[in-house]
Amino acid sequence: KKRKNTKSNSGFEMTTIGEIQLSNKQSKQLFVAFSNNVGAEVRSTGPVTWKSSDTNLVTVVVVKGDDHKADMKTVPGSVGKCTVTASGTVGRDKVDLIWEITVVQGK
């Protein structure tokens, strides 16, 4: 897993937290944990929103009762690359955690 951190002065952080490859018949549950400025694991202080950059390839639905989890499903027959982003808040900072998703033809 690669981690790419970018921090701006405006209190906004984007982190690529992993790469996932799926066949176009698979689904996977994703979960997020945020960390504070001393590296301790914390829950988002606001709601976590989930977004797929290409809903023709991958859809994400928040798990009822826990917005730190989401079910990711591939769209049958689709192949390609996209990202899934979970956006939360830690203190006063907005934090985006990003997965790079590759969907390949299923056997």
PDB file of N, CA and C in Angstrom:
ATOM      1  N   LYS A   1       0.834  -1.186   0.000  1.00  0.00           N
ATOM      2  CA  LYS A   1       0.000   0.000   0.000  1.00  0.00           C
ATOM      3  C   LYS A   1       0.874   1.243   0.000  1.00  0.00           C
ATOM      4  N   LYS A   2       0.505   2.169  -0.841  1.00  0.00           N
ATOM      5  CA  LYS A   2       1.229   3.429  -0.894  1.00  0.00           C
ATOM      6  C   LYS A   2       0.459   4.480  -0.117  1.00  0.00           C
ATOM      7  N   ARG A   3       1.185   5.347   0.562  1.00  0.00           N
ATOM      8  CA  ARG A   3       0.546   6.480   1.234  1.00  0.00           C
ATOM      9  C   ARG A   3       1.131   7.750   0.645  1.00  0.00           C
ATOM     10  N   LYS A   4       0.256   8.590   0.119  1.00  0.00           N
ATOM     11  CA  LYS A   4       0.691   9.880  -0.385  1.00  0.00           C
ATOM     12  C   LYS A   4      -0.038  10.940   0.421  1.00  0.00           C
ATOM     13  N   ASN A   5       0.704  11.736   1.151  1.00  0.00           N
ATOM     14  CA  ASN A   5       0.092  12.770   1.988  1.00  0.00           C
ATOM     15  C   ASN A   5       0.311  14.136   1.366  1.00  0.00           C
ATOM     16  N   THR A   6      -0.733  14.925   1.334  1.00  0.00           N
ATOM     17  CA  THR A   6      -0.582  16.324   0.958  1.00  0.00           C
ATOM     18  C   THR A   6      -1.323  17.129   1.998  1.00  0.00           C
ATOM     19  N   LYS A   7      -0.675  18.143   2.505  1.00  0.00           N
ATOM     20  CA  LYS A   7      -1.288  18.995   3.538  1.00  0.00           C
ATOM     21  C   LYS A   7      -1.186  20.428   3.055  1.00  0.00           C
ATOM     22  N   SER A   8      -2.279  21.139   3.118  1.00  0.00           N
ATOM     23  CA  SER A   8      -2.249  22.538   2.724  1.00  0.00           C
ATOM     24  C   SER A   8      -2.409  23.408   3.955  1.00  0.00           C
ATOM     25  N   ASN A   9      -2.134  24.687   3.810  1.00  0.00           N
ATOM     26  CA  ASN A   9      -2.246  25.620   4.927  1.00  0.00           C
ATOM     27  C   ASN A   9      -3.691  25.870   5.322  1.00  0.00           C
ATOM     28  N   SER A  10      -4.630  25.508   4.465  1.00  0.00           N
ATOM     29  CA  SER A  10      -6.037  25.807   4.735  1.00  0.00           C
ATOM     30  C   SER A  10      -6.696  24.747   5.619  1.00  0.00           C
ATOM     31  N   GLY A  11      -5.921  23.819   6.161  1.00  0.00           N
ATOM     32  CA  GLY A  11      -6.509  22.805   7.023  1.00  0.00           C
ATOM     33  C   GLY A  11      -7.256  21.748   6.243  1.00  0.00           C
ATOM     34  N   PHE A  12      -6.797  21.454   5.041  1.00  0.00           N
ATOM     35  CA  PHE A  12      -7.425  20.423   4.215  1.00  0.00           C
ATOM     36  C   PHE A  12      -6.365  19.396   3.876  1.00  0.00           C
ATOM     37  N   GLU A  13      -6.684  18.128   4.081  1.00  0.00           N
ATOM     38  CA  GLU A  13      -5.699  17.083   3.847  1.00  0.00           C
ATOM     39  C   GLU A  13      -6.289  16.009   2.952  1.00  0.00           C
ATOM     40  N   MET A  14      -5.510  15.572   1.964  1.00  0.00           N
ATOM     41  CA  MET A  14      -5.912  14.454   1.105  1.00  0.00           C
ATOM     42  C   MET A  14      -4.855  13.377   1.232  1.00  0.00           C
ATOM     43  N   THR A  15      -5.277  12.152   1.468  1.00  0.00           N
ATOM     44  CA  THR A  15      -4.336  11.048   1.621  1.00  0.00           C
ATOM     45  C   THR A  15      -4.812   9.868   0.784  1.00  0.00           C
ATOM     46  N   THR A  16      -3.941   9.385  -0.094  1.00  0.00           N
ATOM     47  CA  THR A  16      -4.234   8.144  -0.813  1.00  0.00           C
ATOM     48  C   THR A  16      -3.842   7.004   0.109  1.00  0.00           C
ATOM     49  N   ILE A  17      -4.851   6.236   0.548  1.00  0.00           N
ATOM     50  CA  ILE A  17      -4.568   5.235   1.574  1.00  0.00           C
ATOM     51  C   ILE A  17      -4.441   3.819   1.027  1.00  0.00           C
ATOM     52  N   GLY A  18      -4.711   3.634  -0.258  1.00  0.00           N
ATOM     53  CA  GLY A  18      -4.538   2.284  -0.779  1.00  0.00           C
ATOM     54  C   GLY A  18      -4.994   2.143  -2.203  1.00  0.00           C
ATOM     55  N   GLU A  19      -4.624   1.002  -2.758  1.00  0.00           N
ATOM     56  CA  GLU A  19      -5.036   0.653  -4.104  1.00  0.00           C
ATOM     57  C   GLU A  19      -5.750  -0.684  -4.034  1.00  0.00           C
ATOM     58  N   ILE A  20      -6.869  -0.801  -4.716  1.00  0.00           N
ATOM     59  CA  ILE A  20      -7.660  -2.027  -4.690  1.00  0.00           C
ATOM     60  C   ILE A  20      -7.954  -2.436  -6.126  1.00  0.00           C
ATOM     61  N   GLN A  21      -7.750  -3.720  -6.428  1.00  0.00           N
ATOM     62  CA  GLN A  21      -8.150  -4.252  -7.727  1.00  0.00           C
ATOM     63  C   GLN A  21      -9.263  -5.266  -7.515  1.00  0.00           C
ATOM     64  N   LEU A  22     -10.324  -5.117  -8.284  1.00  0.00           N
ATOM     65  CA  LEU A  22     -11.479  -6.008  -8.200  1.00  0.00           C
ATOM     66  C   LEU A  22     -11.843  -6.487  -9.588  1.00  0.00           C
ATOM     67  N   SER A  23     -12.463  -7.666  -9.655  1.00  0.00           N
ATOM     68  CA  SER A  23     -13.074  -8.044 -10.930  1.00  0.00           C
ATOM     69  C   SER A  23     -14.412  -7.335 -10.988  1.00  0.00           C
ATOM     70  N   ASN A  24     -14.996  -7.246 -12.183  1.00  0.00           N
ATOM     71  CA  ASN A  24     -16.238  -6.495 -12.318  1.00  0.00           C
ATOM     72  C   ASN A  24     -17.453  -7.276 -11.841  1.00  0.00           C
ATOM     73  N   LYS A  25     -17.236  -8.287 -11.013  1.00  0.00           N
ATOM     74  CA  LYS A  25     -18.350  -8.994 -10.376  1.00  0.00           C
ATOM     75  C   LYS A  25     -18.206  -8.965  -8.857  1.00  0.00           C
ATOM     76  N   GLN A  26     -17.232  -8.208  -8.354  1.00  0.00           N
ATOM     77  CA  GLN A  26     -16.944  -8.218  -6.921  1.00  0.00           C
ATOM     78  C   GLN A  26     -17.484  -6.997  -6.203  1.00  0.00           C
ATOM     79  N   SER A  27     -17.587  -7.135  -4.880  1.00  0.00           N
ATOM     80  CA  SER A  27     -17.886  -5.994  -4.022  1.00  0.00           C
ATOM     81  C   SER A  27     -16.966  -6.093  -2.810  1.00  0.00           C
ATOM     82  N   LYS A  28     -16.852  -5.001  -2.074  1.00  0.00           N
ATOM     83  CA  LYS A  28     -15.941  -4.984  -0.934  1.00  0.00           C
ATOM     84  C   LYS A  28     -16.440  -3.924   0.042  1.00  0.00           C
ATOM     85  N   GLN A  29     -16.285  -4.200   1.333  1.00  0.00           N
ATOM     86  CA  GLN A  29     -16.637  -3.181   2.316  1.00  0.00           C
ATOM     87  C   GLN A  29     -15.376  -2.396   2.668  1.00  0.00           C
ATOM     88  N   LEU A  30     -15.497  -1.086   2.631  1.00  0.00           N
ATOM     89  CA  LEU A  30     -14.394  -0.208   2.989  1.00  0.00           C
ATOM     90  C   LEU A  30     -14.684   0.405   4.352  1.00  0.00           C
ATOM     91  N   PHE A  31     -13.633   0.693   5.113  1.00  0.00           N
ATOM     92  CA  PHE A  31     -13.827   1.412   6.369  1.00  0.00           C
ATOM     93  C   PHE A  31     -12.687   2.395   6.543  1.00  0.00           C
ATOM     94  N   VAL A  32     -12.970   3.466   7.259  1.00  0.00           N
ATOM     95  CA  VAL A  32     -11.959   4.487   7.456  1.00  0.00           C
ATOM     96  C   VAL A  32     -11.712   4.724   8.936  1.00  0.00           C
ATOM     97  N   ALA A  33     -10.463   5.070   9.224  1.00  0.00           N
ATOM     98  CA  ALA A  33     -10.073   5.552  10.543  1.00  0.00           C
ATOM     99  C   ALA A  33      -9.241   6.799  10.282  1.00  0.00           C
ATOM    100  N   PHE A  34      -9.568   7.855  10.961  1.00  0.00           N
ATOM    101  CA  PHE A  34      -8.826   9.100  10.814  1.00  0.00           C
ATOM    102  C   PHE A  34      -7.804   9.191  11.937  1.00  0.00           C
ATOM    103  N   SER A  35      -6.768   9.986  11.738  1.00  0.00           N
ATOM    104  CA  SER A  35      -5.786  10.170  12.812  1.00  0.00           C
ATOM    105  C   SER A  35      -5.627  11.656  13.094  1.00  0.00           C
ATOM    106  N   ASN A  36      -5.353  11.953  14.354  1.00  0.00           N
ATOM    107  CA  ASN A  36      -5.178  13.355  14.734  1.00  0.00           C
ATOM    108  C   ASN A  36      -3.714  13.759  14.579  1.00  0.00           C
ATOM    109  N   ASN A  37      -3.372  14.961  15.018  1.00  0.00           N
ATOM    110  CA  ASN A  37      -2.025  15.481  14.765  1.00  0.00           C
ATOM    111  C   ASN A  37      -0.929  14.764  15.538  1.00  0.00           C
ATOM    112  N   VAL A  38      -1.280  13.918  16.506  1.00  0.00           N
ATOM    113  CA  VAL A  38      -0.255  13.112  17.185  1.00  0.00           C
ATOM    114  C   VAL A  38      -0.317  11.644  16.741  1.00  0.00           C
ATOM    115  N   GLY A  39      -1.117  11.371  15.698  1.00  0.00           N
ATOM    116  CA  GLY A  39      -1.151  10.037  15.124  1.00  0.00           C
ATOM    117  C   GLY A  39      -2.119   9.075  15.779  1.00  0.00           C
ATOM    118  N   ALA A  40      -2.896   9.555  16.757  1.00  0.00           N
ATOM    119  CA  ALA A  40      -3.867   8.681  17.421  1.00  0.00           C
ATOM    120  C   ALA A  40      -5.093   8.513  16.530  1.00  0.00           C
ATOM    121  N   GLU A  41      -5.664   7.316  16.549  1.00  0.00           N
ATOM    122  CA  GLU A  41      -6.853   7.045  15.740  1.00  0.00           C
ATOM    123  C   GLU A  41      -8.069   7.724  16.358  1.00  0.00           C
ATOM    124  N   VAL A  42      -8.811   8.444  15.539  1.00  0.00           N
ATOM    125  CA  VAL A  42     -10.010   9.143  16.017  1.00  0.00           C
ATOM    126  C   VAL A  42     -11.128   8.951  14.995  1.00  0.00           C
ATOM    127  N   ARG A  43     -12.358   9.091  15.481  1.00  0.00           N
ATOM    128  CA  ARG A  43     -13.495   9.096  14.569  1.00  0.00           C
ATOM    129  C   ARG A  43     -13.683  10.513  14.057  1.00  0.00           C
ATOM    130  N   SER A  44     -14.271  10.637  12.880  1.00  0.00           N
ATOM    131  CA  SER A  44     -14.567  11.954  12.335  1.00  0.00           C
ATOM    132  C   SER A  44     -15.524  12.675  13.271  1.00  0.00           C
ATOM    133  N   THR A  45     -15.275  13.966  13.485  1.00  0.00           N
ATOM    134  CA  THR A  45     -16.141  14.748  14.356  1.00  0.00           C
ATOM    135  C   THR A  45     -17.423  15.179  13.639  1.00  0.00           C
ATOM    136  N   GLY A  46     -17.466  15.007  12.348  1.00  0.00           N
ATOM    137  CA  GLY A  46     -18.676  15.282  11.570  1.00  0.00           C
ATOM    138  C   GLY A  46     -19.034  14.052  10.768  1.00  0.00           C
ATOM    139  N   PRO A  47     -20.107  14.118   9.994  1.00  0.00           N
ATOM    140  CA  PRO A  47     -20.471  12.961   9.180  1.00  0.00           C
ATOM    141  C   PRO A  47     -19.402  12.646   8.132  1.00  0.00           C
ATOM    142  N   VAL A  48     -19.251  11.369   7.829  1.00  0.00           N
ATOM    143  CA  VAL A  48     -18.333  10.941   6.770  1.00  0.00           C
ATOM    144  C   VAL A  48     -19.152  10.779   5.498  1.00  0.00           C
ATOM    145  N   THR A  49     -18.714  11.430   4.436  1.00  0.00           N
ATOM    146  CA  THR A  49     -19.399  11.282   3.149  1.00  0.00           C
ATOM    147  C   THR A  49     -18.509  10.471   2.217  1.00  0.00           C
ATOM    148  N   TRP A  50     -19.140   9.630   1.406  1.00  0.00           N
ATOM    149  CA  TRP A  50     -18.442   8.731   0.495  1.00  0.00           C
ATOM    150  C   TRP A  50     -18.799   9.090  -0.941  1.00  0.00           C
ATOM    151  N   LYS A  51     -17.799   9.014  -1.830  1.00  0.00           N
ATOM    152  CA  LYS A  51     -18.054   9.380  -3.218  1.00  0.00           C
ATOM    153  C   LYS A  51     -17.186   8.540  -4.146  1.00  0.00           C
ATOM    154  N   SER A  52     -17.787   8.067  -5.228  1.00  0.00           N
ATOM    155  CA  SER A  52     -17.052   7.404  -6.301  1.00  0.00           C
ATOM    156  C   SER A  52     -16.840   8.425  -7.408  1.00  0.00           C
ATOM    157  N   SER A  53     -15.633   8.446  -7.974  1.00  0.00           N
ATOM    158  CA  SER A  53     -15.373   9.384  -9.068  1.00  0.00           C
ATOM    159  C   SER A  53     -16.038   8.941 -10.364  1.00  0.00           C
ATOM    160  N   ASP A  54     -16.459   7.673 -10.434  1.00  0.00           N
ATOM    161  CA  ASP A  54     -17.125   7.163 -11.643  1.00  0.00           C
ATOM    162  C   ASP A  54     -18.180   6.137 -11.244  1.00  0.00           C
ATOM    163  N   THR A  55     -19.428   6.596 -11.124  1.00  0.00           N
ATOM    164  CA  THR A  55     -20.493   5.694 -10.690  1.00  0.00           C
ATOM    165  C   THR A  55     -20.918   4.719 -11.780  1.00  0.00           C
ATOM    166  N   ASN A  56     -20.395   4.870 -13.010  1.00  0.00           N
ATOM    167  CA  ASN A  56     -20.615   3.865 -14.048  1.00  0.00           C
ATOM    168  C   ASN A  56     -19.676   2.677 -13.858  1.00  0.00           C
ATOM    169  N   LEU A  57     -18.709   2.820 -12.962  1.00  0.00           N
ATOM    170  CA  LEU A  57     -17.727   1.771 -12.708  1.00  0.00           C
ATOM    171  C   LEU A  57     -17.899   1.177 -11.303  1.00  0.00           C
ATOM    172  N   VAL A  58     -18.024   2.050 -10.306  1.00  0.00           N
ATOM    173  CA  VAL A  58     -18.093   1.629  -8.904  1.00  0.00           C
ATOM    174  C   VAL A  58     -19.115   2.510  -8.185  1.00  0.00           C
ATOM    175  N   THR A  59     -19.968   1.882  -7.361  1.00  0.00           N
ATOM    176  CA  THR A  59     -20.876   2.649  -6.513  1.00  0.00           C
ATOM    177  C   THR A  59     -20.501   2.397  -5.059  1.00  0.00           C
ATOM    178  N   VAL A  60     -20.753   3.390  -4.208  1.00  0.00           N
ATOM    179  CA  VAL A  60     -20.512   3.236  -2.774  1.00  0.00           C
ATOM    180  C   VAL A  60     -21.765   3.643  -2.010  1.00  0.00           C
ATOM    181  N   VAL A  61     -22.120   2.818  -1.031  1.00  0.00           N
ATOM    182  CA  VAL A  61     -23.289   3.080  -0.196  1.00  0.00           C
ATOM    183  C   VAL A  61     -22.859   2.981   1.254  1.00  0.00           C
ATOM    184  N   VAL A  62     -23.165   4.024   2.034  1.00  0.00           N
ATOM    185  CA  VAL A  62     -22.808   4.048   3.458  1.00  0.00           C
ATOM    186  C   VAL A  62     -23.536   2.926   4.185  1.00  0.00           C
ATOM    187  N   VAL A  63     -22.812   2.259   5.090  1.00  0.00           N
ATOM    188  CA  VAL A  63     -23.414   1.216   5.920  1.00  0.00           C
ATOM    189  C   VAL A  63     -24.329   1.891   6.943  1.00  0.00           C
ATOM    190  N   LYS A  64     -25.561   1.431   6.991  1.00  0.00           N
ATOM    191  CA  LYS A  64     -26.542   2.033   7.907  1.00  0.00           C
ATOM    192  C   LYS A  64     -26.045   1.917   9.347  1.00  0.00           C
ATOM    193  N   GLY A  65     -26.049   3.025  10.050  1.00  0.00           N
ATOM    194  CA  GLY A  65     -25.635   3.018  11.452  1.00  0.00           C
ATOM    195  C   GLY A  65     -24.163   3.297  11.682  1.00  0.00           C
ATOM    196  N   ASP A  66     -23.327   3.291  10.633  1.00  0.00           N
ATOM    197  CA  ASP A  66     -21.900   3.589  10.812  1.00  0.00           C
ATOM    198  C   ASP A  66     -21.347   4.207   9.536  1.00  0.00           C
ATOM    199  N   ASP A  67     -21.283   5.544   9.506  1.00  0.00           N
ATOM    200  CA  ASP A  67     -20.818   6.202   8.281  1.00  0.00           C
ATOM    201  C   ASP A  67     -19.309   6.106   8.078  1.00  0.00           C
ATOM    202  N   HIS A  68     -18.590   5.423   9.000  1.00  0.00           N
ATOM    203  CA  HIS A  68     -17.170   5.152   8.788  1.00  0.00           C
ATOM    204  C   HIS A  68     -16.966   3.899   7.929  1.00  0.00           C
ATOM    205  N   LYS A  69     -18.070   3.269   7.508  1.00  0.00           N
ATOM    206  CA  LYS A  69     -18.015   2.083   6.640  1.00  0.00           C
ATOM    207  C   LYS A  69     -18.909   2.300   5.428  1.00  0.00           C
ATOM    208  N   ALA A  70     -18.514   1.699   4.304  1.00  0.00           N
ATOM    209  CA  ALA A  70     -19.343   1.781   3.099  1.00  0.00           C
ATOM    210  C   ALA A  70     -19.153   0.513   2.271  1.00  0.00           C
ATOM    211  N   ASP A  71     -20.219   0.112   1.602  1.00  0.00           N
ATOM    212  CA  ASP A  71     -20.153  -1.029   0.692  1.00  0.00           C
ATOM    213  C   ASP A  71     -19.873  -0.518  -0.714  1.00  0.00           C
ATOM    214  N   MET A  72     -18.795  -1.035  -1.306  1.00  0.00           N
ATOM    215  CA  MET A  72     -18.399  -0.657  -2.662  1.00  0.00           C
ATOM    216  C   MET A  72     -18.762  -1.808  -3.588  1.00  0.00           C
ATOM    217  N   LYS A  73     -19.482  -1.489  -4.664  1.00  0.00           N
ATOM    218  CA  LYS A  73     -19.872  -2.514  -5.633  1.00  0.00           C
ATOM    219  C   LYS A  73     -19.419  -2.096  -7.017  1.00  0.00           C
ATOM    220  N   THR A  74     -18.944  -3.078  -7.774  1.00  0.00           N
ATOM    221  CA  THR A  74     -18.583  -2.791  -9.159  1.00  0.00           C
ATOM    222  C   THR A  74     -19.823  -2.915 -10.027  1.00  0.00           C
ATOM    223  N   VAL A  75     -19.833  -2.159 -11.111  1.00  0.00           N
ATOM    224  CA  VAL A  75     -20.936  -2.227 -12.063  1.00  0.00           C
ATOM    225  C   VAL A  75     -20.615  -3.353 -13.046  1.00  0.00           C
ATOM    226  N   PRO A  76     -21.480  -4.391 -13.121  1.00  0.00           N
ATOM    227  CA  PRO A  76     -21.187  -5.537 -13.988  1.00  0.00           C
ATOM    228  C   PRO A  76     -20.879  -5.107 -15.421  1.00  0.00           C
ATOM    229  N   GLY A  77     -19.817  -5.698 -15.977  1.00  0.00           N
ATOM    230  CA  GLY A  77     -19.446  -5.423 -17.358  1.00  0.00           C
ATOM    231  C   GLY A  77     -18.532  -4.225 -17.544  1.00  0.00           C
ATOM    232  N   SER A  78     -18.316  -3.451 -16.501  1.00  0.00           N
ATOM    233  CA  SER A  78     -17.472  -2.260 -16.630  1.00  0.00           C
ATOM    234  C   SER A  78     -16.041  -2.564 -16.205  1.00  0.00           C
ATOM    235  N   VAL A  79     -15.090  -1.962 -16.899  1.00  0.00           N
ATOM    236  CA  VAL A  79     -13.680  -2.067 -16.523  1.00  0.00           C
ATOM    237  C   VAL A  79     -13.067  -0.671 -16.591  1.00  0.00           C
ATOM    238  N   GLY A  80     -12.069  -0.435 -15.761  1.00  0.00           N
ATOM    239  CA  GLY A  80     -11.394   0.862 -15.776  1.00  0.00           C
ATOM    240  C   GLY A  80     -10.883   1.233 -14.404  1.00  0.00           C
ATOM    241  N   LYS A  81     -10.534   2.503 -14.262  1.00  0.00           N
ATOM    242  CA  LYS A  81      -9.974   3.019 -13.006  1.00  0.00           C
ATOM    243  C   LYS A  81     -10.818   4.181 -12.506  1.00  0.00           C
ATOM    244  N   CYS A  82     -10.907   4.287 -11.186  1.00  0.00           N
ATOM    245  CA  CYS A  82     -11.572   5.421 -10.567  1.00  0.00           C
ATOM    246  C   CYS A  82     -11.034   5.571  -9.155  1.00  0.00           C
ATOM    247  N   THR A  83     -11.593   6.504  -8.409  1.00  0.00           N
ATOM    248  CA  THR A  83     -11.232   6.654  -7.004  1.00  0.00           C
ATOM    249  C   THR A  83     -12.500   6.628  -6.165  1.00  0.00           C
ATOM    250  N   VAL A  84     -12.342   6.191  -4.916  1.00  0.00           N
ATOM    251  CA  VAL A  84     -13.407   6.298  -3.926  1.00  0.00           C
ATOM    252  C   VAL A  84     -12.841   7.157  -2.804  1.00  0.00           C
ATOM    253  N   THR A  85     -13.604   8.177  -2.416  1.00  0.00           N
ATOM    254  CA  THR A  85     -13.150   9.129  -1.408  1.00  0.00           C
ATOM    255  C   THR A  85     -14.098   9.124  -0.213  1.00  0.00           C
ATOM    256  N   ALA A  86     -13.525   9.030   0.983  1.00  0.00           N
ATOM    257  CA  ALA A  86     -14.274   9.208   2.224  1.00  0.00           C
ATOM    258  C   ALA A  86     -13.829  10.535   2.815  1.00  0.00           C
ATOM    259  N   SER A  87     -14.787  11.451   3.008  1.00  0.00           N
ATOM    260  CA  SER A  87     -14.461  12.784   3.520  1.00  0.00           C
ATOM    261  C   SER A  87     -14.981  12.929   4.944  1.00  0.00           C
ATOM    262  N   GLY A  88     -14.110  13.344   5.834  1.00  0.00           N
ATOM    263  CA  GLY A  88     -14.493  13.536   7.230  1.00  0.00           C
ATOM    264  C   GLY A  88     -13.852  14.782   7.797  1.00  0.00           C
ATOM    265  N   THR A  89     -14.009  14.977   9.088  1.00  0.00           N
ATOM    266  CA  THR A  89     -13.469  16.150   9.765  1.00  0.00           C
ATOM    267  C   THR A  89     -12.726  15.705  11.013  1.00  0.00           C
ATOM    268  N   VAL A  90     -11.509  16.202  11.171  1.00  0.00           N
ATOM    269  CA  VAL A  90     -10.727  15.941  12.375  1.00  0.00           C
ATOM    270  C   VAL A  90     -10.353  17.305  12.949  1.00  0.00           C
ATOM    271  N   GLY A  91     -10.881  17.608  14.117  1.00  0.00           N
ATOM    272  CA  GLY A  91     -10.681  18.950  14.678  1.00  0.00           C
ATOM    273  C   GLY A  91     -11.326  19.968  13.754  1.00  0.00           C
ATOM    274  N   ARG A  92     -10.528  20.921  13.272  1.00  0.00           N
ATOM    275  CA  ARG A  92     -11.043  21.909  12.314  1.00  0.00           C
ATOM    276  C   ARG A  92     -10.646  21.559  10.887  1.00  0.00           C
ATOM    277  N   ASP A  93      -9.956  20.439  10.700  1.00  0.00           N
ATOM    278  CA  ASP A  93      -9.459  20.077   9.368  1.00  0.00           C
ATOM    279  C   ASP A  93     -10.412  19.150   8.639  1.00  0.00           C
ATOM    280  N   LYS A  94     -10.602  19.415   7.353  1.00  0.00           N
ATOM    281  CA  LYS A  94     -11.358  18.512   6.486  1.00  0.00           C
ATOM    282  C   LYS A  94     -10.358  17.518   5.912  1.00  0.00           C
ATOM    283  N   VAL A  95     -10.683  16.244   5.985  1.00  0.00           N
ATOM    284  CA  VAL A  95      -9.752  15.203   5.565  1.00  0.00           C
ATOM    285  C   VAL A  95     -10.427  14.301   4.537  1.00  0.00           C
ATOM    286  N   ASP A  96      -9.764  14.094   3.407  1.00  0.00           N
ATOM    287  CA  ASP A  96     -10.223  13.147   2.385  1.00  0.00           C
ATOM    288  C   ASP A  96      -9.287  11.948   2.383  1.00  0.00           C
ATOM    289  N   LEU A  97      -9.850  10.751   2.539  1.00  0.00           N
ATOM    290  CA  LEU A  97      -9.089   9.506   2.418  1.00  0.00           C
ATOM    291  C   LEU A  97      -9.506   8.862   1.101  1.00  0.00           C
ATOM    292  N   ILE A  98      -8.522   8.531   0.267  1.00  0.00           N
ATOM    293  CA  ILE A  98      -8.802   8.147  -1.114  1.00  0.00           C
ATOM    294  C   ILE A  98      -8.233   6.762  -1.415  1.00  0.00           C
ATOM    295  N   TRP A  99      -9.064   5.910  -2.030  1.00  0.00           N
ATOM    296  CA  TRP A  99      -8.611   4.637  -2.575  1.00  0.00           C
ATOM    297  C   TRP A  99      -8.548   4.763  -4.086  1.00  0.00           C
ATOM    298  N   GLU A 100      -7.513   4.191  -4.674  1.00  0.00           N
ATOM    299  CA  GLU A 100      -7.429   4.088  -6.138  1.00  0.00           C
ATOM    300  C   GLU A 100      -7.967   2.713  -6.503  1.00  0.00           C
ATOM    301  N   ILE A 101      -9.010   2.692  -7.307  1.00  0.00           N
ATOM    302  CA  ILE A 101      -9.712   1.449  -7.638  1.00  0.00           C
ATOM    303  C   ILE A 101      -9.460   1.092  -9.100  1.00  0.00           C
ATOM    304  N   THR A 102      -9.106  -0.170  -9.324  1.00  0.00           N
ATOM    305  CA  THR A 102      -8.998  -0.690 -10.691  1.00  0.00           C
ATOM    306  C   THR A 102      -9.966  -1.852 -10.815  1.00  0.00           C
ATOM    307  N   VAL A 103     -10.831  -1.795 -11.823  1.00  0.00           N
ATOM    308  CA  VAL A 103     -11.799  -2.862 -12.061  1.00  0.00           C
ATOM    309  C   VAL A 103     -11.390  -3.583 -13.347  1.00  0.00           C
ATOM    310  N   VAL A 104     -11.224  -4.897 -13.230  1.00  0.00           N
ATOM    311  CA  VAL A 104     -10.793  -5.703 -14.384  1.00  0.00           C
ATOM    312  C   VAL A 104     -11.897  -6.675 -14.764  1.00  0.00           C
ATOM    313  N   GLN A 105     -11.800  -7.203 -15.949  1.00  0.00           N
ATOM    314  CA  GLN A 105     -12.806  -8.153 -16.451  1.00  0.00           C
ATOM    315  C   GLN A 105     -12.800  -9.415 -15.582  1.00  0.00           C
ATOM    316  N   GLY A 106     -13.978  -9.810 -15.106  1.00  0.00           N
ATOM    317  CA  GLY A 106     -14.084 -11.018 -14.298  1.00  0.00           C
ATOM    318  C   GLY A 106     -14.028 -12.257 -15.165  1.00  0.00           C
ATOM    319  N   LYS A 107     -13.615 -13.359 -14.563  1.00  0.00           N
ATOM    320  CA  LYS A 107     -13.533 -14.625 -15.310  1.00  0.00           C
ATOM    321  C   LYS A 107     -14.836 -15.361 -15.231  1.00  0.00           C
TER     322      LYS A 107
END
